[in-house]
Amino acid sequence: MSDPLMSEPLILVVSHGGLAASLVQTARQIAGQVDALLACKLADNETAVELAERLRALVRNRPALILTDLAGGTPHQAALRVARQSRTHQVEVLSGANLAMLCEAILSRRPESRRRPEAPLRQLAQQALRAAQCDLVLWGDDG
């Protein structure tokens, strides 16, 4: 029998500073207990290559959605390296991680939320991206 945590896509939040841990902690307050959800912080003076090695060890051989804080930043470069070098499993990378993106990924991954029993990882990434985009609003005097 397969390990359910290995069949469920991993959601991995990677950032500079403590953003990843804060996003994961807050998402758990909203969504409740969440399996296969990890935070990873870029260490001081760590290179993208070094961080990619740590991410690869966390992802192992399972599908993963990696959310990074900034496009082009070291966490994002490391995540892209993991995605490009993945041979046995699918890895999707989204930049601009925010709480709406993370919560959507968590909730859409749950079996009762899926339109299909095995929603592809790409679809999960697209749903998370749409949620993040919809959450960006400029409020002004015009309402």
Protein backbone atom coordinates (compact mmCIF):
# COMPACT_ATOMS: atom_id res chain seq x y z
CA MET A 1 0.00 0.00 0.00
CA SER A 2 1.33 3.47 -0.82
CA ASP A 3 1.93 6.18 1.75
CA PRO A 4 -0.92 8.76 1.45
CA LEU A 5 1.50 11.59 2.19
CA MET A 6 3.64 10.51 -0.74
CA SER A 7 0.70 10.39 -3.17
CA GLU A 8 -0.63 13.80 -2.16
CA PRO A 9 1.29 16.68 -3.74
CA LEU A 10 3.66 18.40 -1.36
CA ILE A 11 3.15 22.14 -0.94
CA LEU A 12 6.47 23.75 -0.12
CA VAL A 13 6.72 27.46 0.68
CA VAL A 14 10.22 28.90 0.27
CA SER A 15 11.29 32.43 1.15
CA HIS A 16 13.81 34.89 2.41
CA GLY A 17 13.48 35.47 6.15
CA GLY A 18 10.55 34.10 8.11
CA LEU A 19 7.83 34.67 5.51
CA ALA A 20 7.46 30.99 4.56
CA ALA A 21 7.03 29.85 8.17
CA SER A 22 4.53 32.64 8.88
CA LEU A 23 2.47 31.83 5.78
CA VAL A 24 2.36 28.13 6.68
CA GLN A 25 1.45 28.84 10.32
CA THR A 26 -1.32 31.25 9.31
CA ALA A 27 -2.69 28.89 6.65
CA ARG A 28 -2.94 26.17 9.29
CA GLN A 29 -4.97 28.53 11.49
CA ILE A 30 -7.40 28.98 8.60
CA ALA A 31 -7.46 25.49 7.07
CA GLY A 32 -6.84 23.34 10.13
CA GLN A 33 -4.43 20.41 10.19
CA VAL A 34 -2.65 20.16 6.85
CA ASP A 35 -0.45 17.27 5.75
CA ALA A 36 2.34 17.55 3.19
CA LEU A 37 2.89 21.27 3.83
CA LEU A 38 6.36 22.58 4.61
CA ALA A 39 8.14 25.91 4.98
CA CYS A 40 11.76 26.46 4.05
CA LYS A 41 13.84 29.56 4.76
CA LEU A 42 16.85 30.65 2.74
CA ALA A 43 19.82 30.56 5.12
CA ASP A 44 22.22 33.49 5.38
CA ASN A 45 24.82 33.35 2.61
CA GLU A 46 23.18 30.25 1.07
CA THR A 47 23.40 29.96 -2.72
CA ALA A 48 20.62 28.85 -5.05
CA VAL A 49 22.51 25.60 -5.66
CA GLU A 50 22.78 24.87 -1.94
CA LEU A 51 19.13 25.71 -1.33
CA ALA A 52 18.10 23.55 -4.31
CA GLU A 53 19.82 20.58 -2.67
CA ARG A 54 17.81 21.12 0.52
CA LEU A 55 14.58 21.51 -1.47
CA ARG A 56 15.31 18.35 -3.46
CA ALA A 57 15.69 16.43 -0.18
CA LEU A 58 12.32 17.74 1.01
CA VAL A 59 10.51 17.02 -2.27
CA ARG A 60 12.07 13.57 -2.66
CA ASN A 61 10.21 11.62 -5.35
CA ARG A 62 6.73 13.08 -5.16
CA PRO A 63 4.77 15.75 -6.98
CA ALA A 64 5.30 19.18 -5.45
CA LEU A 65 3.96 22.69 -5.73
CA ILE A 66 6.67 25.12 -4.64
CA LEU A 67 5.58 28.65 -3.75
CA THR A 68 8.36 31.25 -3.61
CA ASP A 69 8.35 34.81 -2.34
CA LEU A 70 9.96 36.71 -5.25
CA ALA A 71 10.34 35.86 -8.92
CA GLY A 72 14.05 35.84 -9.70
CA GLY A 73 15.13 35.69 -6.06
CA THR A 74 17.39 32.96 -4.72
CA PRO A 75 14.48 30.82 -3.39
CA HIS A 76 12.79 31.04 -6.80
CA GLN A 77 16.00 30.18 -8.66
CA ALA A 78 16.50 27.17 -6.38
CA ALA A 79 12.90 25.99 -6.90
CA LEU A 80 13.25 26.29 -10.68
CA ARG A 81 16.45 24.25 -10.50
CA VAL A 82 14.57 21.48 -8.66
CA ALA A 83 11.70 21.60 -11.17
CA ARG A 84 14.01 21.46 -14.18
CA GLN A 85 16.05 18.58 -12.78
CA SER A 86 13.04 16.52 -11.73
CA ARG A 87 12.94 13.32 -13.78
CA THR A 88 10.55 11.07 -11.86
CA HIS A 89 7.90 13.49 -10.58
CA GLN A 90 6.20 16.74 -11.48
CA VAL A 91 7.21 19.98 -9.77
CA GLU A 92 5.39 23.26 -10.37
CA VAL A 93 6.77 26.62 -9.19
CA LEU A 94 4.77 29.79 -8.44
CA SER A 95 6.32 33.07 -7.36
CA GLY A 96 4.73 35.87 -5.35
CA ALA A 97 3.50 33.59 -2.57
CA ASN A 98 0.70 35.06 -0.51
CA LEU A 99 -1.87 33.72 1.90
CA ALA A 100 -4.67 33.50 -0.68
CA MET A 101 -2.43 31.45 -2.98
CA LEU A 102 -1.41 29.08 -0.21
CA CYS A 103 -4.92 28.59 1.17
CA GLU A 104 -6.30 27.91 -2.30
CA ALA A 105 -3.59 25.32 -2.95
CA ILE A 106 -4.34 23.62 0.37
CA LEU A 107 -8.10 23.60 -0.04
CA SER A 108 -8.05 22.64 -3.74
CA ARG A 109 -5.78 19.72 -2.97
CA ARG A 110 -8.36 18.15 -0.66
CA PRO A 111 -10.28 15.29 -2.33
CA GLU A 112 -13.71 16.83 -1.64
CA SER A 113 -12.63 20.03 -3.44
CA ARG A 114 -11.37 18.39 -6.60
CA ARG A 115 -13.39 18.45 -9.78
CA ARG A 116 -11.67 15.22 -10.74
CA PRO A 117 -10.40 12.53 -8.37
CA GLU A 118 -6.78 13.16 -9.34
CA ALA A 119 -6.59 16.84 -10.25
CA PRO A 120 -3.32 17.42 -12.06
CA LEU A 121 -0.66 19.39 -10.26
CA ARG A 122 -0.70 21.97 -13.06
CA GLN A 123 -4.41 22.59 -12.42
CA LEU A 124 -3.70 23.01 -8.70
CA ALA A 125 -0.99 25.58 -9.53
CA GLN A 126 -3.34 27.46 -11.86
CA GLN A 127 -6.08 27.59 -9.21
CA ALA A 128 -3.60 28.94 -6.65
CA LEU A 129 -2.37 31.55 -9.13
CA ARG A 130 -5.93 32.73 -9.87
CA ALA A 131 -6.68 33.03 -6.16
CA ALA A 132 -3.55 35.12 -5.60
CA GLN A 133 -4.42 37.40 -8.50
CA CYS A 134 -8.02 37.86 -7.31
CA ASP A 135 -6.76 38.79 -3.85
CA LEU A 136 -4.75 41.75 -5.20
CA VAL A 137 -7.02 44.76 -5.02
CA LEU A 138 -6.30 48.47 -5.07
CA TRP A 139 -8.86 50.18 -2.88
CA GLY A 140 -9.45 53.87 -3.36
CA ASP A 141 -11.88 56.66 -2.69
CA ASP A 142 -14.04 55.53 -5.61
CA GLY A 143 -14.84 52.29 -3.82
